[in-house]
Amino acid sequence: MNAPVISPEVITEPVASPQAPVVITICTTCRKAEAAPDYRPGALLADALAALPDSGVTIRRTQCLSVCTRACTAALSGPGRYTFLFGDLDPERDAPTLVEMAQAMANQPFGFVPWKARPEALRSRIIARIPPLEWSPADGSAPV
């Protein structure tokens, strides 16, 4: 049996400015194996994000993103947008950088931020880039 394929015609024009905010989802339970059992860097990162001035970005905590080996992970997503998953984040340093990335996503068609346009601190921490369900070109390429 063939799996269903999302047609490239599902969305024919890029969504230049989706109305829904970009959401930063933070894993609050993962930790590095050598860390103290009660040290949860994701929880600290979520607290740091919540303490920043209002940026128009929604912060969401979750108990697991299943990326335990890359402790302190965050997914940036939104309706009609790419999802970017980052790991090995620093809870004391990376909150503003995640907001910068989320704001860049909010200003791009389908939320696609090319590698060179991403904040430098996040470039080496990318785990996954997942296209939105609403958009899938036949050749799998990213939006231009």
C-alpha atoms as a PDB file:
ATOM      1  CA  MET A   1       0.000   0.000   0.000  1.00  0.00           C
ATOM      2  CA  ASN A   2       1.323   3.459  -0.891  1.00  0.00           C
ATOM      3  CA  ALA A   3       1.390   6.096   1.819  1.00  0.00           C
ATOM      4  CA  PRO A   4      -0.593   9.258   1.082  1.00  0.00           C
ATOM      5  CA  VAL A   5       1.476  12.185  -0.167  1.00  0.00           C
ATOM      6  CA  ILE A   6       0.672  15.803   0.534  1.00  0.00           C
ATOM      7  CA  SER A   7       0.051  17.478  -2.767  1.00  0.00           C
ATOM      8  CA  PRO A   8       2.206  20.481  -3.701  1.00  0.00           C
ATOM      9  CA  GLU A   9      -1.034  22.242  -4.586  1.00  0.00           C
ATOM     10  CA  VAL A  10      -2.237  22.225  -0.956  1.00  0.00           C
ATOM     11  CA  ILE A  11      -0.762  25.699  -0.565  1.00  0.00           C
ATOM     12  CA  THR A  12       0.223  27.499  -3.720  1.00  0.00           C
ATOM     13  CA  GLU A  13       1.437  30.784  -2.251  1.00  0.00           C
ATOM     14  CA  PRO A  14       3.762  31.264   0.719  1.00  0.00           C
ATOM     15  CA  VAL A  15       2.131  32.458   3.903  1.00  0.00           C
ATOM     16  CA  ALA A  16       4.110  35.680   4.240  1.00  0.00           C
ATOM     17  CA  SER A  17       2.840  36.672   7.648  1.00  0.00           C
ATOM     18  CA  PRO A  18       0.877  34.021   9.545  1.00  0.00           C
ATOM     19  CA  GLN A  19      -1.333  35.466  12.267  1.00  0.00           C
ATOM     20  CA  ALA A  20      -0.458  32.892  14.916  1.00  0.00           C
ATOM     21  CA  PRO A  21       2.667  33.561  16.972  1.00  0.00           C
ATOM     22  CA  VAL A  22       5.789  31.446  16.834  1.00  0.00           C
ATOM     23  CA  VAL A  23       5.857  29.073  19.789  1.00  0.00           C
ATOM     24  CA  ILE A  24       9.045  28.098  21.623  1.00  0.00           C
ATOM     25  CA  THR A  25       8.499  24.727  23.289  1.00  0.00           C
ATOM     26  CA  ILE A  26      11.091  23.902  25.945  1.00  0.00           C
ATOM     27  CA  CYS A  27      11.787  20.452  27.370  1.00  0.00           C
ATOM     28  CA  THR A  28      11.852  20.947  31.135  1.00  0.00           C
ATOM     29  CA  THR A  29      12.802  17.407  32.190  1.00  0.00           C
ATOM     30  CA  CYS A  30      15.968  16.454  30.297  1.00  0.00           C
ATOM     31  CA  ARG A  31      19.376  16.747  31.886  1.00  0.00           C
ATOM     32  CA  LYS A  32      22.923  15.719  31.126  1.00  0.00           C
ATOM     33  CA  ALA A  33      23.917  12.346  32.594  1.00  0.00           C
ATOM     34  CA  GLU A  34      26.751  13.865  34.640  1.00  0.00           C
ATOM     35  CA  ALA A  35      24.549  16.622  36.107  1.00  0.00           C
ATOM     36  CA  ALA A  36      22.946  16.586  39.519  1.00  0.00           C
ATOM     37  CA  PRO A  37      19.561  14.784  39.443  1.00  0.00           C
ATOM     38  CA  ASP A  38      17.649  17.957  40.253  1.00  0.00           C
ATOM     39  CA  TYR A  39      19.464  20.178  37.693  1.00  0.00           C
ATOM     40  CA  ARG A  40      17.039  20.685  34.800  1.00  0.00           C
ATOM     41  CA  PRO A  41      18.560  23.178  32.326  1.00  0.00           C
ATOM     42  CA  GLY A  42      15.400  23.300  30.218  1.00  0.00           C
ATOM     43  CA  ALA A  43      13.367  24.505  33.186  1.00  0.00           C
ATOM     44  CA  LEU A  44      15.968  27.229  33.759  1.00  0.00           C
ATOM     45  CA  LEU A  45      15.820  28.176  30.063  1.00  0.00           C
ATOM     46  CA  ALA A  46      12.017  28.383  30.202  1.00  0.00           C
ATOM     47  CA  ASP A  47      12.297  30.653  33.255  1.00  0.00           C
ATOM     48  CA  ALA A  48      14.849  32.842  31.420  1.00  0.00           C
ATOM     49  CA  LEU A  49      12.539  33.113  28.400  1.00  0.00           C
ATOM     50  CA  ALA A  50       9.599  34.037  30.620  1.00  0.00           C
ATOM     51  CA  ALA A  51      11.686  36.770  32.263  1.00  0.00           C
ATOM     52  CA  LEU A  52      12.473  38.503  28.948  1.00  0.00           C
ATOM     53  CA  PRO A  53      10.425  41.537  27.863  1.00  0.00           C
ATOM     54  CA  ASP A  54       7.328  40.685  25.813  1.00  0.00           C
ATOM     55  CA  SER A  55       8.534  39.704  22.356  1.00  0.00           C
ATOM     56  CA  GLY A  56       5.341  38.427  20.769  1.00  0.00           C
ATOM     57  CA  VAL A  57       6.660  34.867  21.103  1.00  0.00           C
ATOM     58  CA  THR A  58       4.690  32.237  22.995  1.00  0.00           C
ATOM     59  CA  ILE A  59       6.664  30.108  25.493  1.00  0.00           C
ATOM     60  CA  ARG A  60       5.415  26.588  26.194  1.00  0.00           C
ATOM     61  CA  ARG A  61       6.898  24.070  28.619  1.00  0.00           C
ATOM     62  CA  THR A  62       6.724  20.331  27.971  1.00  0.00           C
ATOM     63  CA  GLN A  63       7.914  17.345  29.942  1.00  0.00           C
ATOM     64  CA  CYS A  64       9.792  15.689  27.094  1.00  0.00           C
ATOM     65  CA  LEU A  65      10.949  16.329  23.538  1.00  0.00           C
ATOM     66  CA  SER A  66      12.721  12.916  23.373  1.00  0.00           C
ATOM     67  CA  VAL A  67      16.132  14.432  22.685  1.00  0.00           C
ATOM     68  CA  CYS A  68      17.672  13.392  25.985  1.00  0.00           C
ATOM     69  CA  THR A  69      21.211  13.088  24.625  1.00  0.00           C
ATOM     70  CA  ARG A  70      21.179  16.775  23.590  1.00  0.00           C
ATOM     71  CA  ALA A  71      19.927  18.093  26.938  1.00  0.00           C
ATOM     72  CA  CYS A  72      18.354  21.508  27.015  1.00  0.00           C
ATOM     73  CA  THR A  73      16.269  21.383  23.863  1.00  0.00           C
ATOM     74  CA  ALA A  74      13.759  23.712  22.281  1.00  0.00           C
ATOM     75  CA  ALA A  75      11.421  23.439  19.323  1.00  0.00           C
ATOM     76  CA  LEU A  76      10.312  26.573  17.475  1.00  0.00           C
ATOM     77  CA  SER A  77       7.097  26.103  15.535  1.00  0.00           C
ATOM     78  CA  GLY A  78       3.761  27.535  14.510  1.00  0.00           C
ATOM     79  CA  PRO A  79       0.840  26.867  12.176  1.00  0.00           C
ATOM     80  CA  GLY A  80       1.980  26.961   8.556  1.00  0.00           C
ATOM     81  CA  ARG A  81       5.614  27.249   9.613  1.00  0.00           C
ATOM     82  CA  TYR A  82       8.684  25.077   9.646  1.00  0.00           C
ATOM     83  CA  THR A  83       9.602  23.515  12.989  1.00  0.00           C
ATOM     84  CA  PHE A  84      13.202  23.921  14.090  1.00  0.00           C
ATOM     85  CA  LEU A  85      14.549  21.719  16.864  1.00  0.00           C
ATOM     86  CA  PHE A  86      17.691  22.819  18.709  1.00  0.00           C
ATOM     87  CA  GLY A  87      19.693  21.032  21.410  1.00  0.00           C
ATOM     88  CA  ASP A  88      22.673  21.580  23.694  1.00  0.00           C
ATOM     89  CA  LEU A  89      21.320  25.002  24.613  1.00  0.00           C
ATOM     90  CA  ASP A  90      22.738  27.049  27.459  1.00  0.00           C
ATOM     91  CA  PRO A  91      19.999  28.210  29.851  1.00  0.00           C
ATOM     92  CA  GLU A  92      22.037  31.222  30.940  1.00  0.00           C
ATOM     93  CA  ARG A  93      22.889  32.451  27.456  1.00  0.00           C
ATOM     94  CA  ASP A  94      20.470  31.250  24.781  1.00  0.00           C
ATOM     95  CA  ALA A  95      17.058  32.685  25.739  1.00  0.00           C
ATOM     96  CA  PRO A  96      17.518  35.934  23.748  1.00  0.00           C
ATOM     97  CA  THR A  97      18.944  33.946  20.817  1.00  0.00           C
ATOM     98  CA  LEU A  98      15.855  31.717  20.694  1.00  0.00           C
ATOM     99  CA  VAL A  99      13.619  34.790  20.674  1.00  0.00           C
ATOM    100  CA  GLU A 100      15.740  36.258  17.857  1.00  0.00           C
ATOM    101  CA  MET A 101      15.240  33.049  15.851  1.00  0.00           C
ATOM    102  CA  ALA A 102      11.493  33.021  16.576  1.00  0.00           C
ATOM    103  CA  GLN A 103      11.175  36.623  15.399  1.00  0.00           C
ATOM    104  CA  ALA A 104      13.100  35.756  12.218  1.00  0.00           C
ATOM    105  CA  MET A 105      10.685  32.865  11.626  1.00  0.00           C
ATOM    106  CA  ALA A 106       7.705  35.181  12.058  1.00  0.00           C
ATOM    107  CA  ASN A 107       8.967  37.336   9.194  1.00  0.00           C
ATOM    108  CA  GLN A 108       9.703  34.574   6.660  1.00  0.00           C
ATOM    109  CA  PRO A 109       7.382  32.677   4.308  1.00  0.00           C
ATOM    110  CA  PHE A 110       6.524  29.369   5.993  1.00  0.00           C
ATOM    111  CA  GLY A 111       8.802  30.410   8.857  1.00  0.00           C
ATOM    112  CA  PHE A 112      11.793  29.176   6.874  1.00  0.00           C
ATOM    113  CA  VAL A 113      15.020  30.805   8.058  1.00  0.00           C
ATOM    114  CA  PRO A 114      18.016  29.841   5.878  1.00  0.00           C
ATOM    115  CA  TRP A 115      21.098  28.577   7.725  1.00  0.00           C
ATOM    116  CA  LYS A 116      23.131  31.772   7.165  1.00  0.00           C
ATOM    117  CA  ALA A 117      20.259  33.939   8.425  1.00  0.00           C
ATOM    118  CA  ARG A 118      19.917  32.011  11.696  1.00  0.00           C
ATOM    119  CA  PRO A 119      21.561  33.365  14.838  1.00  0.00           C
ATOM    120  CA  GLU A 120      25.135  32.102  14.765  1.00  0.00           C
ATOM    121  CA  ALA A 121      24.873  30.549  18.234  1.00  0.00           C
ATOM    122  CA  LEU A 122      22.125  28.206  16.984  1.00  0.00           C
ATOM    123  CA  ARG A 123      23.663  27.067  13.700  1.00  0.00           C
ATOM    124  CA  SER A 124      25.668  24.197  15.200  1.00  0.00           C
ATOM    125  CA  ARG A 125      22.870  23.198  17.574  1.00  0.00           C
ATOM    126  CA  ILE A 126      20.260  22.295  14.952  1.00  0.00           C
ATOM    127  CA  ILE A 127      18.814  18.808  15.369  1.00  0.00           C
ATOM    128  CA  ALA A 128      15.950  18.944  12.868  1.00  0.00           C
ATOM    129  CA  ARG A 129      14.193  21.202  10.398  1.00  0.00           C
ATOM    130  CA  ILE A 130      10.692  19.921   9.627  1.00  0.00           C
ATOM    131  CA  PRO A 131       8.543  21.490   6.884  1.00  0.00           C
ATOM    132  CA  PRO A 132       4.981  22.516   7.690  1.00  0.00           C
ATOM    133  CA  LEU A 133       2.263  19.995   6.906  1.00  0.00           C
ATOM    134  CA  GLU A 134       0.438  22.608   4.846  1.00  0.00           C
ATOM    135  CA  TRP A 135       3.267  22.930   2.351  1.00  0.00           C
ATOM    136  CA  SER A 136       5.330  20.336   0.575  1.00  0.00           C
ATOM    137  CA  PRO A 137       6.815  20.846  -2.896  1.00  0.00           C
ATOM    138  CA  ALA A 138       7.149  17.796  -5.099  1.00  0.00           C
ATOM    139  CA  ASP A 139      10.956  17.923  -4.956  1.00  0.00           C
ATOM    140  CA  GLY A 140      11.116  18.563  -1.173  1.00  0.00           C
ATOM    141  CA  SER A 141      13.034  21.818  -1.568  1.00  0.00           C
ATOM    142  CA  ALA A 142      12.821  24.703   0.888  1.00  0.00           C
ATOM    143  CA  PRO A 143      10.951  27.893  -0.055  1.00  0.00           C
ATOM    144  CA  VAL A 144      12.904  30.413  -2.056  1.00  0.00           C
END
